[in-house]
Amino acid sequence: MKKIRPQNPIYLVLCLFCPWRFVNTYYIMNEDSLIISRYYAKENAEELYRKVDKLGFNTLIKFGLPTDIGSTRLEPIIHGPKGTYKSQEIQFLFKDKTIVAWNVRPYTKKTTEAVV
């Protein structure tokens, strides 16, 4: 159970100005679950909110890009005083038809391939 933190160089430079984003953004991969600590955007908001999700693989039906699942992007594009936020989502579809979106933009391709 090792915390995997973002390795994207642009994200790391931005975290020099707000280090709590780096500390609070990670994922932990277990045999039967995935724990994601992330920041996400809400509609009509100018800031990001922190959330920790525990995703169980036993109820997972499908995961992939929004076009793979047949849905639209869940996180809105927000424009705030510090810039524009646009997520790069991987979505998880569960048996109860809930969809959890995970913004993987801070991570590199190598760190996200470990999940896939």
Protein backbone atom coordinates (compact mmCIF):
# COMPACT_ATOMS: atom_id res chain seq x y z
CA MET A 1 0.00 0.00 0.00
CA LYS A 2 2.19 2.77 -1.31
CA LYS A 3 0.90 6.24 -2.10
CA ILE A 4 1.51 7.07 -5.75
CA ARG A 5 1.85 10.83 -6.17
CA PRO A 6 1.67 12.94 -9.36
CA GLN A 7 4.85 13.13 -11.43
CA ASN A 8 3.79 15.55 -14.18
CA PRO A 9 6.53 18.25 -14.28
CA ILE A 10 4.11 21.12 -14.89
CA TYR A 11 1.97 20.01 -11.95
CA LEU A 12 5.07 19.74 -9.74
CA VAL A 13 6.10 23.31 -10.57
CA LEU A 14 2.59 24.57 -9.78
CA CYS A 15 2.71 22.71 -6.47
CA LEU A 16 5.66 24.87 -5.41
CA PHE A 17 3.09 27.64 -4.92
CA CYS A 18 0.46 25.43 -3.24
CA PRO A 19 2.22 22.42 -1.70
CA TRP A 20 -0.96 21.14 -0.01
CA ARG A 21 -2.20 20.12 -3.47
CA PHE A 22 0.77 17.77 -3.85
CA VAL A 23 0.37 16.36 -0.33
CA ASN A 24 -3.36 15.72 -0.79
CA THR A 25 -3.24 14.27 -4.33
CA TYR A 26 -2.40 10.57 -4.57
CA TYR A 27 -3.79 7.11 -5.22
CA ILE A 28 -3.31 3.80 -3.44
CA MET A 29 -3.78 0.55 -5.34
CA ASN A 30 -4.84 -2.55 -3.40
CA GLU A 31 -5.80 -5.98 -4.68
CA ASP A 32 -9.53 -5.29 -4.34
CA SER A 33 -9.82 -1.50 -4.26
CA LEU A 34 -8.44 1.82 -5.44
CA ILE A 35 -8.26 4.81 -3.08
CA ILE A 36 -8.10 8.18 -4.82
CA SER A 37 -7.42 11.44 -3.01
CA ARG A 38 -8.13 14.21 -5.48
CA TYR A 39 -9.31 17.73 -6.14
CA TYR A 40 -12.38 18.23 -8.32
CA ALA A 41 -14.44 21.07 -9.72
CA LYS A 42 -18.10 21.84 -9.05
CA GLU A 43 -20.43 23.71 -11.38
CA ASN A 44 -20.42 27.52 -10.90
CA ALA A 45 -17.49 27.39 -8.45
CA GLU A 46 -14.22 29.25 -8.60
CA GLU A 47 -12.23 26.82 -6.47
CA LEU A 48 -11.49 23.11 -6.35
CA TYR A 49 -12.75 20.77 -3.64
CA ARG A 50 -10.89 17.86 -2.06
CA LYS A 51 -12.39 14.38 -1.94
CA VAL A 52 -11.17 10.88 -1.09
CA ASP A 53 -12.92 8.01 -2.91
CA LYS A 54 -12.55 4.30 -2.24
CA LEU A 55 -13.50 2.35 -5.35
CA GLY A 56 -14.16 -1.38 -4.96
CA PHE A 57 -13.26 -3.57 -7.89
CA ASN A 58 -15.96 -6.13 -7.04
CA THR A 59 -18.77 -3.75 -8.12
CA LEU A 60 -16.90 -2.19 -11.05
CA ILE A 61 -18.47 -2.80 -14.45
CA LYS A 62 -16.34 -0.69 -16.76
CA PHE A 63 -13.74 2.08 -16.77
CA GLY A 64 -12.20 4.30 -19.40
CA LEU A 65 -12.59 7.65 -21.10
CA PRO A 66 -16.05 9.25 -21.15
CA THR A 67 -16.51 8.19 -24.78
CA ASP A 68 -15.75 4.55 -23.84
CA ILE A 69 -18.45 4.52 -21.18
CA GLY A 70 -20.94 6.52 -23.25
CA SER A 71 -21.21 9.53 -20.96
CA THR A 72 -20.09 13.13 -21.02
CA ARG A 73 -17.40 14.78 -18.95
CA LEU A 74 -18.61 15.06 -15.34
CA GLU A 75 -16.32 17.82 -14.12
CA PRO A 76 -17.09 21.23 -15.61
CA ILE A 77 -14.56 23.57 -17.14
CA ILE A 78 -14.16 26.44 -14.69
CA HIS A 79 -12.57 29.83 -15.18
CA GLY A 80 -11.26 31.43 -12.02
CA PRO A 81 -8.96 34.24 -11.01
CA LYS A 82 -5.94 31.91 -11.16
CA GLY A 83 -6.69 30.43 -14.58
CA THR A 84 -8.79 27.81 -16.33
CA TYR A 85 -9.34 24.26 -15.05
CA LYS A 86 -10.17 21.47 -17.49
CA SER A 87 -9.98 17.88 -16.30
CA GLN A 88 -8.67 14.91 -18.22
CA GLU A 89 -10.96 12.21 -16.88
CA ILE A 90 -10.96 8.49 -16.51
CA GLN A 91 -14.42 7.37 -15.43
CA PHE A 92 -15.41 4.33 -13.39
CA LEU A 93 -18.91 2.85 -13.91
CA PHE A 94 -20.34 0.69 -11.10
CA LYS A 95 -23.23 -1.78 -10.85
CA ASP A 96 -25.52 0.79 -9.22
CA LYS A 97 -25.01 3.04 -12.31
CA THR A 98 -22.90 5.60 -10.43
CA ILE A 99 -19.95 7.10 -12.25
CA VAL A 100 -16.84 8.39 -10.50
CA ALA A 101 -14.58 10.67 -12.52
CA TRP A 102 -10.86 10.87 -11.81
CA ASN A 103 -8.77 13.68 -13.25
CA VAL A 104 -5.47 12.09 -14.30
CA ARG A 105 -3.89 15.26 -15.72
CA PRO A 106 -1.39 15.58 -12.80
CA TYR A 107 -0.13 12.03 -13.39
CA THR A 108 2.22 10.82 -16.10
CA LYS A 109 1.34 8.03 -18.52
CA LYS A 110 3.63 5.66 -16.63
CA THR A 111 1.89 6.17 -13.28
CA THR A 112 -1.62 5.80 -14.75
CA GLU A 113 -0.70 2.61 -16.63
CA ALA A 114 -0.23 0.93 -13.24
CA VAL A 115 -3.99 1.29 -12.64
CA VAL A 116 -5.00 0.05 -16.07
